[in-house]
Amino acid sequence: MDSPCIKICAIDESRGLCLGCGRTRAEIARWTSYSDSQRRDIMMTLAQRLADCGAPLVASTPSDITN
């Protein structure tokens, strides 16, 4: 199962996003229940989410991310 987790888990309380992967708490909690398509759709938004909140971008595309 693909995962954007880069083992840098820190939630930005004001935005509700993990500063490591860009997912919300709800997305993290439900990750294993999402379909492959749902996970891919979310992963395609993560780089922009992180950029929008000024977080350093560690991996630029889902294909750069390894679990």
C-alpha atoms as a PDB file:
ATOM      1  CA  MET A   1       0.000   0.000   0.000  1.00  0.00           C
ATOM      2  CA  ASP A   2       1.396   3.392  -0.981  1.00  0.00           C
ATOM      3  CA  SER A   3       1.789   5.882   1.814  1.00  0.00           C
ATOM      4  CA  PRO A   4       3.124   9.432   1.838  1.00  0.00           C
ATOM      5  CA  CYS A   5       4.414   8.995   5.390  1.00  0.00           C
ATOM      6  CA  ILE A   6       8.049  10.063   5.692  1.00  0.00           C
ATOM      7  CA  LYS A   7       8.254   9.378   9.442  1.00  0.00           C
ATOM      8  CA  ILE A   8       8.218  13.092  10.300  1.00  0.00           C
ATOM      9  CA  CYS A   9       4.964  13.277  12.224  1.00  0.00           C
ATOM     10  CA  ALA A  10       4.106  16.763  13.454  1.00  0.00           C
ATOM     11  CA  ILE A  11       0.614  18.209  13.208  1.00  0.00           C
ATOM     12  CA  ASP A  12       0.338  21.928  12.553  1.00  0.00           C
ATOM     13  CA  GLU A  13      -2.550  22.705  14.886  1.00  0.00           C
ATOM     14  CA  SER A  14      -3.642  25.851  13.036  1.00  0.00           C
ATOM     15  CA  ARG A  15      -3.977  24.051   9.704  1.00  0.00           C
ATOM     16  CA  GLY A  16      -4.633  20.526  10.922  1.00  0.00           C
ATOM     17  CA  LEU A  17      -2.001  19.044   8.603  1.00  0.00           C
ATOM     18  CA  CYS A  18       0.938  16.789   9.250  1.00  0.00           C
ATOM     19  CA  LEU A  19       4.036  18.804   8.353  1.00  0.00           C
ATOM     20  CA  GLY A  20       5.778  15.629   7.218  1.00  0.00           C
ATOM     21  CA  CYS A  21       3.264  14.259   4.727  1.00  0.00           C
ATOM     22  CA  GLY A  22       0.543  16.907   4.391  1.00  0.00           C
ATOM     23  CA  ARG A  23      -2.375  14.683   5.378  1.00  0.00           C
ATOM     24  CA  THR A  24      -5.064  15.646   7.854  1.00  0.00           C
ATOM     25  CA  ARG A  25      -5.547  13.669  11.053  1.00  0.00           C
ATOM     26  CA  ALA A  26      -8.696  12.125   9.564  1.00  0.00           C
ATOM     27  CA  GLU A  27      -6.833  11.050   6.424  1.00  0.00           C
ATOM     28  CA  ILE A  28      -4.058   9.514   8.488  1.00  0.00           C
ATOM     29  CA  ALA A  29      -6.558   7.634  10.645  1.00  0.00           C
ATOM     30  CA  ARG A  30      -8.535   6.341   7.663  1.00  0.00           C
ATOM     31  CA  TRP A  31      -5.616   5.716   5.299  1.00  0.00           C
ATOM     32  CA  THR A  32      -5.837   1.929   5.301  1.00  0.00           C
ATOM     33  CA  SER A  33      -9.588   2.008   4.663  1.00  0.00           C
ATOM     34  CA  TYR A  34      -9.300   4.177   1.535  1.00  0.00           C
ATOM     35  CA  SER A  35      -9.252   2.580  -1.911  1.00  0.00           C
ATOM     36  CA  ASP A  36      -6.091   2.808  -4.011  1.00  0.00           C
ATOM     37  CA  SER A  37      -7.807   5.481  -6.092  1.00  0.00           C
ATOM     38  CA  GLN A  38      -8.725   7.539  -3.032  1.00  0.00           C
ATOM     39  CA  ARG A  39      -5.172   7.337  -1.696  1.00  0.00           C
ATOM     40  CA  ARG A  40      -3.743   8.406  -5.086  1.00  0.00           C
ATOM     41  CA  ASP A  41      -6.165  11.344  -5.261  1.00  0.00           C
ATOM     42  CA  ILE A  42      -5.108  12.518  -1.807  1.00  0.00           C
ATOM     43  CA  MET A  43      -1.421  11.998  -2.553  1.00  0.00           C
ATOM     44  CA  MET A  44      -1.700  14.216  -5.620  1.00  0.00           C
ATOM     45  CA  THR A  45      -2.765  17.143  -3.391  1.00  0.00           C
ATOM     46  CA  LEU A  46      -0.133  16.800  -0.669  1.00  0.00           C
ATOM     47  CA  ALA A  47       2.736  18.732  -2.249  1.00  0.00           C
ATOM     48  CA  GLN A  48       0.493  21.740  -2.836  1.00  0.00           C
ATOM     49  CA  ARG A  49      -0.949  21.541   0.683  1.00  0.00           C
ATOM     50  CA  LEU A  50       2.545  21.599   2.163  1.00  0.00           C
ATOM     51  CA  ALA A  51       3.614  24.435  -0.124  1.00  0.00           C
ATOM     52  CA  ASP A  52       0.503  26.436   0.815  1.00  0.00           C
ATOM     53  CA  CYS A  53       1.346  26.200   4.509  1.00  0.00           C
ATOM     54  CA  GLY A  54       5.048  26.942   4.000  1.00  0.00           C
ATOM     55  CA  ALA A  55       6.279  23.538   5.092  1.00  0.00           C
ATOM     56  CA  PRO A  56       9.539  22.332   3.575  1.00  0.00           C
ATOM     57  CA  LEU A  57       8.862  19.924   0.730  1.00  0.00           C
ATOM     58  CA  VAL A  58      10.766  16.674   1.210  1.00  0.00           C
ATOM     59  CA  ALA A  59       9.219  14.638  -1.613  1.00  0.00           C
ATOM     60  CA  SER A  60       7.734  16.394  -4.591  1.00  0.00           C
ATOM     61  CA  THR A  61       5.555  13.673  -6.087  1.00  0.00           C
ATOM     62  CA  PRO A  62       3.935  10.476  -4.842  1.00  0.00           C
ATOM     63  CA  SER A  63       6.422   8.460  -6.905  1.00  0.00           C
ATOM     64  CA  ASP A  64       9.233  10.044  -4.857  1.00  0.00           C
ATOM     65  CA  ILE A  65       7.679   8.782  -1.641  1.00  0.00           C
ATOM     66  CA  THR A  66       8.558   5.405  -0.234  1.00  0.00           C
ATOM     67  CA  ASN A  67       7.046   3.778   2.786  1.00  0.00           C
END
